[in-house]
PDB file of N, CA and C in Angstrom:
ATOM      1  N   MET A   1     -16.753 -33.464  32.926  1.00  0.00           N
ATOM      2  CA  MET A   1     -15.592 -32.708  32.508  1.00  0.00           C
ATOM      3  C   MET A   1     -15.945 -31.240  32.297  1.00  0.00           C
ATOM      4  N   THR A   2     -17.078 -30.998  31.658  1.00  0.00           N
ATOM      5  CA  THR A   2     -17.512 -29.627  31.409  1.00  0.00           C
ATOM      6  C   THR A   2     -17.826 -28.910  32.714  1.00  0.00           C
ATOM      7  N   VAL A   3     -18.382 -29.630  33.665  1.00  0.00           N
ATOM      8  CA  VAL A   3     -18.702 -29.027  34.958  1.00  0.00           C
ATOM      9  C   VAL A   3     -17.428 -28.568  35.655  1.00  0.00           C
ATOM     10  N   LEU A   4     -16.384 -29.361  35.602  1.00  0.00           N
ATOM     11  CA  LEU A   4     -15.116 -28.987  36.223  1.00  0.00           C
ATOM     12  C   LEU A   4     -14.495 -27.767  35.551  1.00  0.00           C
ATOM     13  N   PHE A   5     -14.620 -27.692  34.239  1.00  0.00           N
ATOM     14  CA  PHE A   5     -14.100 -26.542  33.508  1.00  0.00           C
ATOM     15  C   PHE A   5     -14.842 -25.269  33.902  1.00  0.00           C
ATOM     16  N   VAL A   6     -16.156 -25.342  33.966  1.00  0.00           N
ATOM     17  CA  VAL A   6     -16.965 -24.179  34.353  1.00  0.00           C
ATOM     18  C   VAL A   6     -16.672 -23.777  35.786  1.00  0.00           C
ATOM     19  N   LEU A   7     -16.500 -24.746  36.664  1.00  0.00           N
ATOM     20  CA  LEU A   7     -16.171 -24.470  38.057  1.00  0.00           C
ATOM     21  C   LEU A   7     -14.816 -23.778  38.174  1.00  0.00           C
ATOM     22  N   ASN A   8     -13.866 -24.181  37.366  1.00  0.00           N
ATOM     23  CA  ASN A   8     -12.543 -23.565  37.371  1.00  0.00           C
ATOM     24  C   ASN A   8     -12.607 -22.122  36.850  1.00  0.00           C
ATOM     25  N   ILE A   9     -13.379 -21.889  35.799  1.00  0.00           N
ATOM     26  CA  ILE A   9     -13.536 -20.539  35.262  1.00  0.00           C
ATOM     27  C   ILE A   9     -14.220 -19.637  36.291  1.00  0.00           C
ATOM     28  N   LEU A  10     -15.232 -20.150  36.972  1.00  0.00           N
ATOM     29  CA  LEU A  10     -15.886 -19.374  38.031  1.00  0.00           C
ATOM     30  C   LEU A  10     -14.921 -19.039  39.153  1.00  0.00           C
ATOM     31  N   SER A  11     -14.047 -19.959  39.491  1.00  0.00           N
ATOM     32  CA  SER A  11     -13.059 -19.721  40.542  1.00  0.00           C
ATOM     33  C   SER A  11     -12.103 -18.596  40.153  1.00  0.00           C
ATOM     34  N   ILE A  12     -11.729 -18.549  38.891  1.00  0.00           N
ATOM     35  CA  ILE A  12     -10.851 -17.478  38.410  1.00  0.00           C
ATOM     36  C   ILE A  12     -11.531 -16.130  38.595  1.00  0.00           C
ATOM     37  N   PHE A  13     -12.781 -16.018  38.164  1.00  0.00           N
ATOM     38  CA  PHE A  13     -13.497 -14.749  38.277  1.00  0.00           C
ATOM     39  C   PHE A  13     -13.759 -14.360  39.725  1.00  0.00           C
ATOM     40  N   ILE A  14     -14.072 -15.333  40.571  1.00  0.00           N
ATOM     41  CA  ILE A  14     -14.314 -15.038  41.982  1.00  0.00           C
ATOM     42  C   ILE A  14     -13.036 -14.555  42.646  1.00  0.00           C
ATOM     43  N   CYS A  15     -11.923 -15.235  42.397  1.00  0.00           N
ATOM     44  CA  CYS A  15     -10.643 -14.815  42.979  1.00  0.00           C
ATOM     45  C   CYS A  15     -10.251 -13.416  42.501  1.00  0.00           C
ATOM     46  N   TYR A  16     -10.459 -13.154  41.228  1.00  0.00           N
ATOM     47  CA  TYR A  16     -10.148 -11.833  40.668  1.00  0.00           C
ATOM     48  C   TYR A  16     -10.998 -10.753  41.329  1.00  0.00           C
ATOM     49  N   ALA A  17     -12.295 -11.000  41.451  1.00  0.00           N
ATOM     50  CA  ALA A  17     -13.210 -10.004  42.012  1.00  0.00           C
ATOM     51  C   ALA A  17     -12.913  -9.730  43.485  1.00  0.00           C
ATOM     52  N   VAL A  18     -12.660 -10.783  44.253  1.00  0.00           N
ATOM     53  CA  VAL A  18     -12.366 -10.605  45.677  1.00  0.00           C
ATOM     54  C   VAL A  18     -11.040  -9.870  45.850  1.00  0.00           C
ATOM     55  N   ALA A  19     -10.045 -10.231  45.061  1.00  0.00           N
ATOM     56  CA  ALA A  19      -8.743  -9.555  45.156  1.00  0.00           C
ATOM     57  C   ALA A  19      -8.867  -8.084  44.773  1.00  0.00           C
ATOM     58  N   LYS A  20      -9.656  -7.791  43.767  1.00  0.00           N
ATOM     59  CA  LYS A  20      -9.854  -6.399  43.356  1.00  0.00           C
ATOM     60  C   LYS A  20     -10.556  -5.614  44.461  1.00  0.00           C
ATOM     61  N   HIS A  21     -11.545  -6.216  45.084  1.00  0.00           N
ATOM     62  CA  HIS A  21     -12.281  -5.551  46.163  1.00  0.00           C
ATOM     63  C   HIS A  21     -11.384  -5.309  47.384  1.00  0.00           C
ATOM     64  N   ARG A  22     -10.476  -6.240  47.654  1.00  0.00           N
ATOM     65  CA  ARG A  22      -9.587  -6.110  48.811  1.00  0.00           C
ATOM     66  C   ARG A  22      -8.336  -5.304  48.507  1.00  0.00           C
ATOM     67  N   GLY A  23      -8.109  -4.959  47.240  1.00  0.00           N
ATOM     68  CA  GLY A  23      -6.930  -4.188  46.874  1.00  0.00           C
ATOM     69  C   GLY A  23      -5.678  -5.036  46.753  1.00  0.00           C
ATOM     70  N   ALA A  24      -5.840  -6.337  46.516  1.00  0.00           N
ATOM     71  CA  ALA A  24      -4.702  -7.245  46.383  1.00  0.00           C
ATOM     72  C   ALA A  24      -4.303  -7.352  44.908  1.00  0.00           C
ATOM     73  N   LYS A  25      -3.284  -8.142  44.639  1.00  0.00           N
ATOM     74  CA  LYS A  25      -2.804  -8.330  43.267  1.00  0.00           C
ATOM     75  C   LYS A  25      -3.794  -9.206  42.501  1.00  0.00           C
ATOM     76  N   THR A  26      -4.496  -8.600  41.559  1.00  0.00           N
ATOM     77  CA  THR A  26      -5.570  -9.304  40.857  1.00  0.00           C
ATOM     78  C   THR A  26      -5.053 -10.376  39.908  1.00  0.00           C
ATOM     79  N   ILE A  27      -4.000 -10.083  39.171  1.00  0.00           N
ATOM     80  CA  ILE A  27      -3.464 -11.062  38.215  1.00  0.00           C
ATOM     81  C   ILE A  27      -2.930 -12.290  38.955  1.00  0.00           C
ATOM     82  N   PHE A  28      -2.220 -12.050  40.049  1.00  0.00           N
ATOM     83  CA  PHE A  28      -1.696 -13.161  40.843  1.00  0.00           C
ATOM     84  C   PHE A  28      -2.820 -14.077  41.312  1.00  0.00           C
ATOM     85  N   TRP A  29      -3.896 -13.489  41.845  1.00  0.00           N
ATOM     86  CA  TRP A  29      -4.983 -14.301  42.378  1.00  0.00           C
ATOM     87  C   TRP A  29      -5.792 -14.962  41.289  1.00  0.00           C
ATOM     88  N   ALA A  30      -5.859 -14.357  40.110  1.00  0.00           N
ATOM     89  CA  ALA A  30      -6.529 -15.018  38.986  1.00  0.00           C
ATOM     90  C   ALA A  30      -5.742 -16.258  38.561  1.00  0.00           C
ATOM     91  N   ILE A  31      -4.424 -16.147  38.553  1.00  0.00           N
ATOM     92  CA  ILE A  31      -3.581 -17.299  38.198  1.00  0.00           C
ATOM     93  C   ILE A  31      -3.686 -18.393  39.254  1.00  0.00           C
ATOM     94  N   VAL A  32      -3.682 -18.000  40.519  1.00  0.00           N
ATOM     95  CA  VAL A  32      -3.837 -18.986  41.591  1.00  0.00           C
ATOM     96  C   VAL A  32      -5.201 -19.663  41.482  1.00  0.00           C
ATOM     97  N   GLY A  33      -6.235 -18.893  41.146  1.00  0.00           N
ATOM     98  CA  GLY A  33      -7.561 -19.470  40.947  1.00  0.00           C
ATOM     99  C   GLY A  33      -7.587 -20.446  39.789  1.00  0.00           C
ATOM    100  N   ALA A  34      -6.805 -20.159  38.748  1.00  0.00           N
ATOM    101  CA  ALA A  34      -6.739 -21.067  37.601  1.00  0.00           C
ATOM    102  C   ALA A  34      -6.016 -22.359  37.961  1.00  0.00           C
ATOM    103  N   ILE A  35      -5.003 -22.255  38.794  1.00  0.00           N
ATOM    104  CA  ILE A  35      -4.215 -23.433  39.145  1.00  0.00           C
ATOM    105  C   ILE A  35      -4.912 -24.289  40.206  1.00  0.00           C
ATOM    106  N   LEU A  36      -5.399 -23.648  41.252  1.00  0.00           N
ATOM    107  CA  LEU A  36      -5.984 -24.394  42.370  1.00  0.00           C
ATOM    108  C   LEU A  36      -7.490 -24.575  42.275  1.00  0.00           C
ATOM    109  N   GLY A  37      -8.129 -23.811  41.415  1.00  0.00           N
ATOM    110  CA  GLY A  37      -9.579 -23.916  41.278  1.00  0.00           C
ATOM    111  C   GLY A  37     -10.285 -23.409  42.519  1.00  0.00           C
ATOM    112  N   PRO A  38     -11.336 -24.079  42.950  1.00  0.00           N
ATOM    113  CA  PRO A  38     -12.113 -23.615  44.099  1.00  0.00           C
ATOM    114  C   PRO A  38     -11.325 -23.594  45.412  1.00  0.00           C
ATOM    115  N   LEU A  39     -10.219 -24.310  45.475  1.00  0.00           N
ATOM    116  CA  LEU A  39      -9.414 -24.304  46.696  1.00  0.00           C
ATOM    117  C   LEU A  39      -8.753 -22.947  46.953  1.00  0.00           C
ATOM    118  N   ALA A  40      -8.638 -22.116  45.940  1.00  0.00           N
ATOM    119  CA  ALA A  40      -7.988 -20.809  46.088  1.00  0.00           C
ATOM    120  C   ALA A  40      -8.915 -19.767  46.701  1.00  0.00           C
ATOM    121  N   ILE A  41     -10.209 -19.977  46.624  1.00  0.00           N
ATOM    122  CA  ILE A  41     -11.168 -18.959  47.073  1.00  0.00           C
ATOM    123  C   ILE A  41     -11.013 -18.624  48.554  1.00  0.00           C
ATOM    124  N   PRO A  42     -10.900 -19.581  49.466  1.00  0.00           N
ATOM    125  CA  PRO A  42     -10.717 -19.187  50.878  1.00  0.00           C
ATOM    126  C   PRO A  42      -9.422 -18.412  51.124  1.00  0.00           C
ATOM    127  N   PHE A  43      -8.378 -18.740  50.364  1.00  0.00           N
ATOM    128  CA  PHE A  43      -7.092 -18.085  50.580  1.00  0.00           C
ATOM    129  C   PHE A  43      -7.087 -16.629  50.127  1.00  0.00           C
ATOM    130  N   VAL A  44      -7.880 -16.296  49.120  1.00  0.00           N
ATOM    131  CA  VAL A  44      -7.899 -14.923  48.628  1.00  0.00           C
ATOM    132  C   VAL A  44      -8.495 -13.989  49.681  1.00  0.00           C
ATOM    133  N   PHE A  45      -9.325 -14.517  50.571  1.00  0.00           N
ATOM    134  CA  PHE A  45      -9.882 -13.680  51.637  1.00  0.00           C
ATOM    135  C   PHE A  45      -8.830 -13.303  52.683  1.00  0.00           C
ATOM    136  N   PHE A  46      -7.719 -14.008  52.724  1.00  0.00           N
ATOM    137  CA  PHE A  46      -6.627 -13.671  53.635  1.00  0.00           C
ATOM    138  C   PHE A  46      -5.578 -12.778  52.990  1.00  0.00           C
ATOM    139  N   SER A  47      -5.789 -12.403  51.745  1.00  0.00           N
ATOM    140  CA  SER A  47      -4.800 -11.594  51.032  1.00  0.00           C
ATOM    141  C   SER A  47      -4.741 -10.183  51.603  1.00  0.00           C
ATOM    142  N   LYS A  48      -3.550  -9.644  51.586  1.00  0.00           N
ATOM    143  CA  LYS A  48      -3.338  -8.287  52.083  1.00  0.00           C
ATOM    144  C   LYS A  48      -3.373  -7.314  50.910  1.00  0.00           C
ATOM    145  N   PRO A  49      -3.752  -6.077  51.174  1.00  0.00           N
ATOM    146  CA  PRO A  49      -3.731  -5.081  50.102  1.00  0.00           C
ATOM    147  C   PRO A  49      -2.326  -4.896  49.545  1.00  0.00           C
ATOM    148  N   GLU A  50      -2.254  -4.620  48.257  1.00  0.00           N
ATOM    149  CA  GLU A  50      -0.972  -4.396  47.600  1.00  0.00           C
ATOM    150  C   GLU A  50      -0.377  -3.080  48.088  1.00  0.00           C
ATOM    151  N   VAL A  51       0.883  -3.124  48.493  1.00  0.00           N
ATOM    152  CA  VAL A  51       1.563  -1.929  48.983  1.00  0.00           C
ATOM    153  C   VAL A  51       2.319  -1.287  47.825  1.00  0.00           C
ATOM    154  N   ILE A  52       1.974  -0.037  47.565  1.00  0.00           N
ATOM    155  CA  ILE A  52       2.653   0.710  46.511  1.00  0.00           C
ATOM    156  C   ILE A  52       3.641   1.657  47.191  1.00  0.00           C
ATOM    157  N   PRO A  53       4.928   1.525  46.886  1.00  0.00           N
ATOM    158  CA  PRO A  53       5.907   2.374  47.568  1.00  0.00           C
ATOM    159  C   PRO A  53       5.698   3.843  47.218  1.00  0.00           C
ATOM    160  N   ALA A  54       5.833   4.667  48.240  1.00  0.00           N
ATOM    161  CA  ALA A  54       5.679   6.103  48.040  1.00  0.00           C
ATOM    162  C   ALA A  54       6.909   6.673  47.354  1.00  0.00           C
ATOM    163  N   THR A  55       6.695   7.667  46.515  1.00  0.00           N
ATOM    164  CA  THR A  55       7.813   8.327  45.839  1.00  0.00           C
ATOM    165  C   THR A  55       8.267   9.511  46.686  1.00  0.00           C
ATOM    166  N   LYS A  56       9.532   9.782  46.594  1.00  0.00           N
ATOM    167  CA  LYS A  56      10.089  10.910  47.348  1.00  0.00           C
ATOM    168  C   LYS A  56       9.938  12.186  46.541  1.00  0.00           C
ATOM    169  N   ASN A  57       9.384  13.190  47.181  1.00  0.00           N
ATOM    170  CA  ASN A  57       9.293  14.509  46.558  1.00  0.00           C
ATOM    171  C   ASN A  57      10.456  15.346  47.030  1.00  0.00           C
ATOM    172  N   ILE A  58      11.287  15.749  46.096  1.00  0.00           N
ATOM    173  CA  ILE A  58      12.466  16.523  46.472  1.00  0.00           C
ATOM    174  C   ILE A  58      12.196  17.985  46.267  1.00  0.00           C
TER     175      ILE A  58
END
């Protein structure tokens, strides 16, 4: 049981770190890592960078 808990916590940190490095939504991927555990790690590598809308300068 403890091993599964530690594995899940590691998955959260790995998903967060990879998402941060790729410029994706870090909180979203941390939550996905918490829910799916190690299964989320391959999917975070397919994440796209977060698009921030440009503001109009008048």
